[in-house]
Amino acid sequence: LVESGGGMVQAGGSLRLSCAASGRSFDSYAMAWFRQAPGKEREFV
């Protein structure tokens, strides 16, 4: 899995992240997005 599309935006703006998958990724049970801020645990999105 390879993510892309991140960047810096002003509050109220929009972004679209992409995750390019290879192998059996789309045969998997589930796909998800998580996020992690500095000093914090990874959280479900």
All heavy atoms as atom14 arrays in JSON, in Angstrom:
{
  "sequence": "LVESGGGMVQAGGSLRLSCAASGRSFDSYAMAWFRQAPGKEREFV",
  "atom14_mask": [
    [1, 1, 1, 1, 1, 1, 1, 1, 0, 0, 0, 0, 0, 0],
    [1, 1, 1, 1, 1, 1, 1, 0, 0, 0, 0, 0, 0, 0],
    [1, 1, 1, 1, 1, 1, 1, 1, 1, 0, 0, 0, 0, 0],
    [1, 1, 1, 1, 1, 1, 0, 0, 0, 0, 0, 0, 0, 0],
    [1, 1, 1, 1, 0, 0, 0, 0, 0, 0, 0, 0, 0, 0],
    [1, 1, 1, 1, 0, 0, 0, 0, 0, 0, 0, 0, 0, 0],
    [1, 1, 1, 1, 0, 0, 0, 0, 0, 0, 0, 0, 0, 0],
    [1, 1, 1, 1, 1, 1, 1, 1, 0, 0, 0, 0, 0, 0],
    [1, 1, 1, 1, 1, 1, 1, 0, 0, 0, 0, 0, 0, 0],
    [1, 1, 1, 1, 1, 1, 1, 1, 1, 0, 0, 0, 0, 0],
    [1, 1, 1, 1, 1, 0, 0, 0, 0, 0, 0, 0, 0, 0],
    [1, 1, 1, 1, 0, 0, 0, 0, 0, 0, 0, 0, 0, 0],
    [1, 1, 1, 1, 0, 0, 0, 0, 0, 0, 0, 0, 0, 0],
    [1, 1, 1, 1, 1, 1, 0, 0, 0, 0, 0, 0, 0, 0],
    [1, 1, 1, 1, 1, 1, 1, 1, 0, 0, 0, 0, 0, 0],
    [1, 1, 1, 1, 1, 1, 1, 1, 1, 1, 1, 0, 0, 0],
    [1, 1, 1, 1, 1, 1, 1, 1, 0, 0, 0, 0, 0, 0],
    [1, 1, 1, 1, 1, 1, 0, 0, 0, 0, 0, 0, 0, 0],
    [1, 1, 1, 1, 1, 1, 0, 0, 0, 0, 0, 0, 0, 0],
    [1, 1, 1, 1, 1, 0, 0, 0, 0, 0, 0, 0, 0, 0],
    [1, 1, 1, 1, 1, 0, 0, 0, 0, 0, 0, 0, 0, 0],
    [1, 1, 1, 1, 1, 1, 0, 0, 0, 0, 0, 0, 0, 0],
    [1, 1, 1, 1, 0, 0, 0, 0, 0, 0, 0, 0, 0, 0],
    [1, 1, 1, 1, 1, 1, 1, 1, 1, 1, 1, 0, 0, 0],
    [1, 1, 1, 1, 1, 1, 0, 0, 0, 0, 0, 0, 0, 0],
    [1, 1, 1, 1, 1, 1, 1, 1, 1, 1, 1, 0, 0, 0],
    [1, 1, 1, 1, 1, 1, 1, 1, 0, 0, 0, 0, 0, 0],
    [1, 1, 1, 1, 1, 1, 0, 0, 0, 0, 0, 0, 0, 0],
    [1, 1, 1, 1, 1, 1, 1, 1, 1, 1, 1, 1, 0, 0],
    [1, 1, 1, 1, 1, 0, 0, 0, 0, 0, 0, 0, 0, 0],
    [1, 1, 1, 1, 1, 1, 1, 1, 0, 0, 0, 0, 0, 0],
    [1, 1, 1, 1, 1, 0, 0, 0, 0, 0, 0, 0, 0, 0],
    [1, 1, 1, 1, 1, 1, 1, 1, 1, 1, 1, 1, 1, 1],
    [1, 1, 1, 1, 1, 1, 1, 1, 1, 1, 1, 0, 0, 0],
    [1, 1, 1, 1, 1, 1, 1, 1, 1, 1, 1, 0, 0, 0],
    [1, 1, 1, 1, 1, 1, 1, 1, 1, 0, 0, 0, 0, 0],
    [1, 1, 1, 1, 1, 0, 0, 0, 0, 0, 0, 0, 0, 0],
    [1, 1, 1, 1, 1, 1, 1, 0, 0, 0, 0, 0, 0, 0],
    [1, 1, 1, 1, 0, 0, 0, 0, 0, 0, 0, 0, 0, 0],
    [1, 1, 1, 1, 1, 1, 1, 1, 1, 0, 0, 0, 0, 0],
    [1, 1, 1, 1, 1, 1, 1, 1, 1, 0, 0, 0, 0, 0],
    [1, 1, 1, 1, 1, 1, 1, 1, 1, 1, 1, 0, 0, 0],
    [1, 1, 1, 1, 1, 1, 1, 1, 1, 0, 0, 0, 0, 0],
    [1, 1, 1, 1, 1, 1, 1, 1, 1, 1, 1, 0, 0, 0],
    [1, 1, 1, 1, 1, 1, 1, 0, 0, 0, 0, 0, 0, 0]
  ],
  "atom14_positions": [
    [[0.84, -1.19, 0.0], [0.0, 0.0, 0.0], [0.87, 1.24, 0.0], [1.82, 1.34, 0.78], [-0.9, 0.02, 1.24], [-1.75, -1.23, 1.49], [-2.45, -1.12, 2.85], [-2.79, -1.41, 0.39], [0.0, 0.0, 0.0], [0.0, 0.0, 0.0], [0.0, 0.0, 0.0], [0.0, 0.0, 0.0], [0.0, 0.0, 0.0], [0.0, 0.0, 0.0]],
    [[0.55, 2.21, -0.87], [1.3, 3.46, -0.96], [0.33, 4.62, -0.97], [-0.46, 4.77, -1.9], [2.19, 3.5, -2.21], [2.96, 4.82, -2.26], [3.15, 2.33, -2.23], [0.0, 0.0, 0.0], [0.0, 0.0, 0.0], [0.0, 0.0, 0.0], [0.0, 0.0, 0.0], [0.0, 0.0, 0.0], [0.0, 0.0, 0.0], [0.0, 0.0, 0.0]],
    [[0.39, 5.47, 0.07], [-0.48, 6.63, 0.17], [0.1, 7.83, -0.57], [1.32, 7.97, -0.69], [-0.72, 7.03, 1.64], [-1.3, 5.94, 2.51], [-0.24, 5.19, 3.28], [0.92, 5.13, 2.8], [-0.55, 4.68, 4.37], [0.0, 0.0, 0.0], [0.0, 0.0, 0.0], [0.0, 0.0, 0.0], [0.0, 0.0, 0.0], [0.0, 0.0, 0.0]],
    [[-0.78, 8.72, -1.01], [-0.38, 9.99, -1.61], [-1.52, 10.98, -1.48], [-2.64, 10.61, -1.13], [0.01, 9.81, -3.08], [-1.09, 9.37, -3.85], [0.0, 0.0, 0.0], [0.0, 0.0, 0.0], [0.0, 0.0, 0.0], [0.0, 0.0, 0.0], [0.0, 0.0, 0.0], [0.0, 0.0, 0.0], [0.0, 0.0, 0.0], [0.0, 0.0, 0.0]],
    [[-1.25, 12.25, -1.76], [-2.28, 13.27, -1.76], [-2.29, 14.17, -0.55], [-3.09, 15.11, -0.48], [0.0, 0.0, 0.0], [0.0, 0.0, 0.0], [0.0, 0.0, 0.0], [0.0, 0.0, 0.0], [0.0, 0.0, 0.0], [0.0, 0.0, 0.0], [0.0, 0.0, 0.0], [0.0, 0.0, 0.0], [0.0, 0.0, 0.0], [0.0, 0.0, 0.0]],
    [[-1.42, 13.91, 0.41], [-1.34, 14.77, 1.57], [-0.75, 16.12, 1.23], [-0.2, 16.33, 0.14], [0.0, 0.0, 0.0], [0.0, 0.0, 0.0], [0.0, 0.0, 0.0], [0.0, 0.0, 0.0], [0.0, 0.0, 0.0], [0.0, 0.0, 0.0], [0.0, 0.0, 0.0], [0.0, 0.0, 0.0], [0.0, 0.0, 0.0], [0.0, 0.0, 0.0]],
    [[-0.86, 17.05, 2.16], [-0.33, 18.38, 1.96], [-0.79, 19.32, 3.04], [-1.3, 18.89, 4.07], [0.0, 0.0, 0.0], [0.0, 0.0, 0.0], [0.0, 0.0, 0.0], [0.0, 0.0, 0.0], [0.0, 0.0, 0.0], [0.0, 0.0, 0.0], [0.0, 0.0, 0.0], [0.0, 0.0, 0.0], [0.0, 0.0, 0.0], [0.0, 0.0, 0.0]],
    [[-0.6, 20.6, 2.8], [-0.98, 21.64, 3.75], [-2.14, 22.45, 3.18], [-2.08, 22.93, 2.05], [0.2, 22.56, 4.05], [-0.09, 23.64, 5.07], [1.37, 24.65, 5.44], [2.43, 23.43, 6.21], [0.0, 0.0, 0.0], [0.0, 0.0, 0.0], [0.0, 0.0, 0.0], [0.0, 0.0, 0.0], [0.0, 0.0, 0.0], [0.0, 0.0, 0.0]],
    [[-3.21, 22.59, 3.97], [-4.38, 23.34, 3.55], [-4.86, 24.2, 4.7], [-4.55, 23.95, 5.87], [-5.53, 22.43, 3.08], [-5.11, 21.63, 1.86], [-5.97, 21.51, 4.2], [0.0, 0.0, 0.0], [0.0, 0.0, 0.0], [0.0, 0.0, 0.0], [0.0, 0.0, 0.0], [0.0, 0.0, 0.0], [0.0, 0.0, 0.0], [0.0, 0.0, 0.0]],
    [[-5.64, 25.22, 4.37], [-6.24, 26.08, 5.37], [-7.52, 25.44, 5.91], [-8.18, 24.66, 5.22], [-6.55, 27.45, 4.77], [-6.92, 28.52, 5.78], [-6.92, 29.91, 5.16], [-6.11, 30.21, 4.29], [-7.83, 30.76, 5.63], [0.0, 0.0, 0.0], [0.0, 0.0, 0.0], [0.0, 0.0, 0.0], [0.0, 0.0, 0.0], [0.0, 0.0, 0.0]],
    [[-7.85, 25.75, 7.14], [-9.08, 25.23, 7.74], [-10.28, 25.5, 6.84], [-10.43, 26.59, 6.3], [-9.3, 25.84, 9.11], [0.0, 0.0, 0.0], [0.0, 0.0, 0.0], [0.0, 0.0, 0.0], [0.0, 0.0, 0.0], [0.0, 0.0, 0.0], [0.0, 0.0, 0.0], [0.0, 0.0, 0.0], [0.0, 0.0, 0.0], [0.0, 0.0, 0.0]],
    [[-11.12, 24.48, 6.68], [-12.27, 24.57, 5.8], [-12.02, 24.03, 4.41], [-12.98, 23.85, 3.65], [0.0, 0.0, 0.0], [0.0, 0.0, 0.0], [0.0, 0.0, 0.0], [0.0, 0.0, 0.0], [0.0, 0.0, 0.0], [0.0, 0.0, 0.0], [0.0, 0.0, 0.0], [0.0, 0.0, 0.0], [0.0, 0.0, 0.0], [0.0, 0.0, 0.0]],
    [[-10.77, 23.77, 4.08], [-10.42, 23.26, 2.78], [-10.62, 21.76, 2.65], [-11.09, 21.1, 3.57], [0.0, 0.0, 0.0], [0.0, 0.0, 0.0], [0.0, 0.0, 0.0], [0.0, 0.0, 0.0], [0.0, 0.0, 0.0], [0.0, 0.0, 0.0], [0.0, 0.0, 0.0], [0.0, 0.0, 0.0], [0.0, 0.0, 0.0], [0.0, 0.0, 0.0]],
    [[-10.23, 21.23, 1.49], [-10.43, 19.82, 1.19], [-9.16, 19.19, 0.63], [-8.33, 19.86, 0.02], [-11.55, 19.64, 0.16], [-12.79, 20.11, 0.65], [0.0, 0.0, 0.0], [0.0, 0.0, 0.0], [0.0, 0.0, 0.0], [0.0, 0.0, 0.0], [0.0, 0.0, 0.0], [0.0, 0.0, 0.0], [0.0, 0.0, 0.0], [0.0, 0.0, 0.0]],
    [[-9.03, 17.89, 0.85], [-7.98, 17.09, 0.27], [-8.55, 15.72, -0.06], [-9.49, 15.26, 0.59], [-6.8, 16.9, 1.24], [-5.83, 18.06, 1.45], [-4.85, 17.7, 2.57], [-5.07, 18.37, 0.17], [0.0, 0.0, 0.0], [0.0, 0.0, 0.0], [0.0, 0.0, 0.0], [0.0, 0.0, 0.0], [0.0, 0.0, 0.0], [0.0, 0.0, 0.0]],
    [[-7.97, 15.07, -1.06], [-8.31, 13.69, -1.35], [-7.05, 12.84, -1.32], [-6.13, 13.04, -2.11], [-8.99, 13.53, -2.72], [-9.54, 12.11, -2.93], [-10.33, 11.95, -4.2], [-9.48, 11.78, -5.37], [-9.87, 11.21, -6.51], [-11.13, 10.77, -6.63], [-9.03, 11.12, -7.52], [0.0, 0.0, 0.0], [0.0, 0.0, 0.0], [0.0, 0.0, 0.0]],
    [[-7.02, 11.91, -0.39], [-5.91, 10.99, -0.26], [-6.15, 9.76, -1.13], [-7.29, 9.31, -1.28], [-5.71, 10.56, 1.19], [-5.56, 11.67, 2.23], [-5.29, 11.07, 3.6], [-4.46, 12.64, 1.82], [0.0, 0.0, 0.0], [0.0, 0.0, 0.0], [0.0, 0.0, 0.0], [0.0, 0.0, 0.0], [0.0, 0.0, 0.0], [0.0, 0.0, 0.0]],
    [[-5.08, 9.22, -1.68], [-5.16, 8.01, -2.47], [-4.27, 6.94, -1.86], [-3.24, 7.24, -1.25], [-4.71, 8.26, -3.91], [-5.54, 9.21, -4.55], [0.0, 0.0, 0.0], [0.0, 0.0, 0.0], [0.0, 0.0, 0.0], [0.0, 0.0, 0.0], [0.0, 0.0, 0.0], [0.0, 0.0, 0.0], [0.0, 0.0, 0.0], [0.0, 0.0, 0.0]],
    [[-4.66, 5.7, -2.03], [-3.88, 4.56, -1.57], [-3.8, 3.56, -2.7], [-4.79, 2.87, -2.99], [-4.5, 3.94, -0.32], [-3.65, 2.45, 0.27], [0.0, 0.0, 0.0], [0.0, 0.0, 0.0], [0.0, 0.0, 0.0], [0.0, 0.0, 0.0], [0.0, 0.0, 0.0], [0.0, 0.0, 0.0], [0.0, 0.0, 0.0], [0.0, 0.0, 0.0]],
    [[-2.66, 3.5, -3.36], [-2.45, 2.56, -4.45], [-2.09, 1.2, -3.88], [-1.16, 1.07, -3.1], [-1.35, 3.06, -5.38], [0.0, 0.0, 0.0], [0.0, 0.0, 0.0], [0.0, 0.0, 0.0], [0.0, 0.0, 0.0], [0.0, 0.0, 0.0], [0.0, 0.0, 0.0], [0.0, 0.0, 0.0], [0.0, 0.0, 0.0], [0.0, 0.0, 0.0]],
    [[-2.85, 0.19, -4.29], [-2.69, -1.15, -3.74], [-2.21, -2.12, -4.8], [-2.57, -2.02, -5.98], [-4.01, -1.63, -3.14], [0.0, 0.0, 0.0], [0.0, 0.0, 0.0], [0.0, 0.0, 0.0], [0.0, 0.0, 0.0], [0.0, 0.0, 0.0], [0.0, 0.0, 0.0], [0.0, 0.0, 0.0], [0.0, 0.0, 0.0], [0.0, 0.0, 0.0]],
    [[-1.4, -3.06, -4.38], [-0.95, -4.14, -5.24], [-1.1, -5.46, -4.49], [-1.23, -5.49, -3.27], [0.49, -3.93, -5.69], [1.38, -3.93, -4.58], [0.0, 0.0, 0.0], [0.0, 0.0, 0.0], [0.0, 0.0, 0.0], [0.0, 0.0, 0.0], [0.0, 0.0, 0.0], [0.0, 0.0, 0.0], [0.0, 0.0, 0.0], [0.0, 0.0, 0.0]],
    [[-1.05, -6.55, -5.24], [-1.2, -7.84, -4.63], [-2.66, -8.19, -4.4], [-3.5, -7.95, -5.26], [0.0, 0.0, 0.0], [0.0, 0.0, 0.0], [0.0, 0.0, 0.0], [0.0, 0.0, 0.0], [0.0, 0.0, 0.0], [0.0, 0.0, 0.0], [0.0, 0.0, 0.0], [0.0, 0.0, 0.0], [0.0, 0.0, 0.0], [0.0, 0.0, 0.0]],
    [[-2.95, -8.71, -3.2], [-4.29, -9.19, -2.88], [-5.11, -8.19, -2.08], [-6.09, -8.58, -1.45], [-4.17, -10.49, -2.08], [-3.48, -11.62, -2.83], [-3.19, -12.82, -1.93], [-4.38, -13.34, -1.28], [-4.65, -13.19, 0.01], [-3.8, -12.56, 0.81], [-5.77, -13.68, 0.52], [0.0, 0.0, 0.0], [0.0, 0.0, 0.0], [0.0, 0.0, 0.0]],
    [[-4.75, -6.92, -2.11], [-5.38, -5.93, -1.24], [-6.9, -5.87, -1.4], [-7.62, -5.76, -0.4], [-4.77, -4.55, -1.48], [-4.95, -4.14, -2.83], [0.0, 0.0, 0.0], [0.0, 0.0, 0.0], [0.0, 0.0, 0.0], [0.0, 0.0, 0.0], [0.0, 0.0, 0.0], [0.0, 0.0, 0.0], [0.0, 0.0, 0.0], [0.0, 0.0, 0.0]],
    [[-7.38, -5.93, -2.62], [-8.82, -5.83, -2.84], [-9.54, -7.16, -2.7], [-10.75, -7.22, -2.9], [-9.11, -5.18, -4.19], [-8.89, -3.7, -4.17], [-7.71, -3.15, -4.63], [-9.86, -2.86, -3.66], [-7.5, -1.78, -4.6], [-9.67, -1.49, -3.63], [-8.47, -0.95, -4.1], [0.0, 0.0, 0.0], [0.0, 0.0, 0.0], [0.0, 0.0, 0.0]],
    [[-8.82, -8.2, -2.36], [-9.43, -9.47, -1.96], [-9.48, -9.59, -0.45], [-9.93, -10.61, 0.07], [-8.65, -10.65, -2.55], [-8.75, -10.73, -4.06], [-9.79, -10.33, -4.6], [-7.79, -11.22, -4.69], [0.0, 0.0, 0.0], [0.0, 0.0, 0.0], [0.0, 0.0, 0.0], [0.0, 0.0, 0.0], [0.0, 0.0, 0.0], [0.0, 0.0, 0.0]],
    [[-9.03, -8.56, 0.24], [-8.97, -8.59, 1.69], [-10.35, -8.38, 2.31], [-11.3, -7.96, 1.65], [-8.0, -7.54, 2.22], [-8.45, -6.24, 1.91], [0.0, 0.0, 0.0], [0.0, 0.0, 0.0], [0.0, 0.0, 0.0], [0.0, 0.0, 0.0], [0.0, 0.0, 0.0], [0.0, 0.0, 0.0], [0.0, 0.0, 0.0], [0.0, 0.0, 0.0]],
    [[-10.44, -8.65, 3.61], [-11.69, -8.48, 4.34], [-12.1, -7.01, 4.4], [-13.28, -6.68, 4.22], [-11.54, -9.06, 5.74], [-12.6, -8.62, 6.71], [-13.92, -9.07, 6.58], [-12.3, -7.77, 7.76], [-14.89, -8.68, 7.47], [-13.27, -7.37, 8.66], [-14.56, -7.83, 8.51], [-15.54, -7.44, 9.4], [0.0, 0.0, 0.0], [0.0, 0.0, 0.0]],
    [[-11.14, -6.11, 4.67], [-11.47, -4.71, 4.83], [-10.27, -3.82, 4.49], [-9.12, -4.23, 4.56], [-11.91, -4.43, 6.27], [0.0, 0.0, 0.0], [0.0, 0.0, 0.0], [0.0, 0.0, 0.0], [0.0, 0.0, 0.0], [0.0, 0.0, 0.0], [0.0, 0.0, 0.0], [0.0, 0.0, 0.0], [0.0, 0.0, 0.0], [0.0, 0.0, 0.0]],
    [[-10.58, -2.57, 4.12], [-9.59, -1.53, 3.94], [-9.96, -0.37, 4.86], [-11.14, -0.12, 5.12], [-9.55, -1.05, 2.5], [-9.23, -2.13, 1.48], [-7.49, -2.66, 1.55], [-6.67, -1.18, 0.94], [0.0, 0.0, 0.0], [0.0, 0.0, 0.0], [0.0, 0.0, 0.0], [0.0, 0.0, 0.0], [0.0, 0.0, 0.0], [0.0, 0.0, 0.0]],
    [[-8.95, 0.33, 5.35], [-9.2, 1.37, 6.34], [-8.21, 2.51, 6.23], [-7.14, 2.39, 5.63], [-9.14, 0.78, 7.76], [0.0, 0.0, 0.0], [0.0, 0.0, 0.0], [0.0, 0.0, 0.0], [0.0, 0.0, 0.0], [0.0, 0.0, 0.0], [0.0, 0.0, 0.0], [0.0, 0.0, 0.0], [0.0, 0.0, 0.0], [0.0, 0.0, 0.0]],
    [[-8.59, 3.63, 6.83], [-7.71, 4.76, 7.04], [-7.59, 5.03, 8.53], [-8.59, 5.1, 9.25], [-8.23, 6.02, 6.35], [-8.17, 5.99, 4.86], [-9.16, 5.62, 4.0], [-7.05, 6.35, 4.04], [-8.73, 5.73, 2.7], [-7.43, 6.18, 2.7], [-5.76, 6.81, 4.32], [-6.58, 6.44, 1.63], [-4.91, 7.07, 3.25], [-5.31, 6.88, 1.94]],
    [[-6.35, 5.15, 9.0], [-6.04, 5.57, 10.36], [-5.2, 6.84, 10.29], [-4.68, 7.19, 9.23], [-5.28, 4.48, 11.11], [-6.12, 3.31, 11.54], [-6.54, 2.37, 10.62], [-6.48, 3.13, 12.87], [-7.31, 1.28, 11.01], [-7.25, 2.05, 13.27], [-7.66, 1.13, 12.34], [0.0, 0.0, 0.0], [0.0, 0.0, 0.0], [0.0, 0.0, 0.0]],
    [[-5.07, 7.53, 11.41], [-4.21, 8.7, 11.46], [-3.49, 8.76, 12.79], [-3.95, 8.23, 13.79], [-5.0, 9.99, 11.22], [-6.0, 10.34, 12.31], [-6.85, 11.53, 11.88], [-7.79, 11.94, 12.93], [-8.73, 12.86, 12.76], [-8.86, 13.48, 11.59], [-9.54, 13.17, 13.76], [0.0, 0.0, 0.0], [0.0, 0.0, 0.0], [0.0, 0.0, 0.0]],
    [[-2.34, 9.43, 12.78], [-1.53, 9.54, 13.98], [-0.88, 10.91, 14.05], [-0.11, 11.28, 13.17], [-0.47, 8.44, 14.02], [0.33, 8.39, 15.31], [1.16, 7.13, 15.42], [1.48, 6.5, 14.41], [1.51, 6.75, 16.64], [0.0, 0.0, 0.0], [0.0, 0.0, 0.0], [0.0, 0.0, 0.0], [0.0, 0.0, 0.0], [0.0, 0.0, 0.0]],
    [[-1.19, 11.65, 15.1], [-0.58, 12.94, 15.36], [0.66, 12.74, 16.23], [0.75, 11.75, 16.96], [-1.57, 13.88, 16.04], [0.0, 0.0, 0.0], [0.0, 0.0, 0.0], [0.0, 0.0, 0.0], [0.0, 0.0, 0.0], [0.0, 0.0, 0.0], [0.0, 0.0, 0.0], [0.0, 0.0, 0.0], [0.0, 0.0, 0.0], [0.0, 0.0, 0.0]],
    [[1.61, 13.67, 16.18], [2.82, 13.54, 17.0], [2.49, 13.37, 18.48], [1.69, 14.12, 19.04], [3.57, 14.85, 16.75], [3.12, 15.27, 15.4], [1.67, 14.87, 15.33], [0.0, 0.0, 0.0], [0.0, 0.0, 0.0], [0.0, 0.0, 0.0], [0.0, 0.0, 0.0], [0.0, 0.0, 0.0], [0.0, 0.0, 0.0], [0.0, 0.0, 0.0]],
    [[3.1, 12.38, 19.11], [2.88, 12.13, 20.52], [1.59, 11.42, 20.87], [1.32, 11.21, 22.06], [0.0, 0.0, 0.0], [0.0, 0.0, 0.0], [0.0, 0.0, 0.0], [0.0, 0.0, 0.0], [0.0, 0.0, 0.0], [0.0, 0.0, 0.0], [0.0, 0.0, 0.0], [0.0, 0.0, 0.0], [0.0, 0.0, 0.0], [0.0, 0.0, 0.0]],
    [[0.8, 11.05, 19.89], [-0.47, 10.38, 20.13], [-0.47, 9.0, 19.47], [0.32, 8.72, 18.57], [-1.64, 11.2, 19.59], [-1.78, 12.58, 20.22], [-3.01, 13.3, 19.7], [-4.29, 12.59, 20.09], [-5.5, 13.34, 19.64], [0.0, 0.0, 0.0], [0.0, 0.0, 0.0], [0.0, 0.0, 0.0], [0.0, 0.0, 0.0], [0.0, 0.0, 0.0]],
    [[-1.37, 8.15, 19.95], [-1.52, 6.82, 19.37], [-2.28, 6.9, 18.05], [-3.04, 7.84, 17.8], [-2.24, 5.89, 20.34], [-1.47, 5.61, 21.62], [-2.14, 4.58, 22.49], [-3.29, 4.17, 22.17], [-1.54, 4.17, 23.49], [0.0, 0.0, 0.0], [0.0, 0.0, 0.0], [0.0, 0.0, 0.0], [0.0, 0.0, 0.0], [0.0, 0.0, 0.0]],
    [[-2.05, 5.9, 17.22], [-2.77, 5.82, 15.96], [-4.26, 5.61, 16.22], [-4.64, 4.76, 17.02], [-2.2, 4.69, 15.12], [-2.61, 4.71, 13.66], [-1.73, 3.76, 12.83], [-0.32, 4.13, 12.91], [0.64, 3.53, 12.21], [0.34, 2.55, 11.38], [1.9, 3.93, 12.35], [0.0, 0.0, 0.0], [0.0, 0.0, 0.0], [0.0, 0.0, 0.0]],
    [[-5.11, 6.38, 15.53], [-6.54, 6.3, 15.77], [-7.31, 6.0, 14.48], [-6.9, 6.38, 13.38], [-7.07, 7.6, 16.4], [-7.0, 8.81, 15.49], [-7.64, 10.04, 16.12], [-8.26, 9.93, 17.19], [-7.51, 11.14, 15.52], [0.0, 0.0, 0.0], [0.0, 0.0, 0.0], [0.0, 0.0, 0.0], [0.0, 0.0, 0.0], [0.0, 0.0, 0.0]],
    [[-8.44, 5.35, 14.66], [-9.3, 4.96, 13.57], [-9.96, 6.18, 12.93], [-10.4, 7.1, 13.62], [-10.38, 4.01, 14.09], [-11.47, 3.69, 13.12], [-11.27, 2.77, 12.11], [-12.7, 4.31, 13.22], [-12.27, 2.45, 11.21], [-13.72, 4.01, 12.33], [-13.5, 3.09, 11.32], [0.0, 0.0, 0.0], [0.0, 0.0, 0.0], [0.0, 0.0, 0.0]],
    [[-10.03, 6.19, 11.6], [-10.71, 7.25, 10.86], [-11.94, 6.68, 10.15], [-13.07, 7.11, 10.4], [-9.79, 7.93, 9.84], [-10.56, 8.97, 9.04], [-8.6, 8.57, 10.55], [0.0, 0.0, 0.0], [0.0, 0.0, 0.0], [0.0, 0.0, 0.0], [0.0, 0.0, 0.0], [0.0, 0.0, 0.0], [0.0, 0.0, 0.0], [0.0, 0.0, 0.0]]
  ]
}
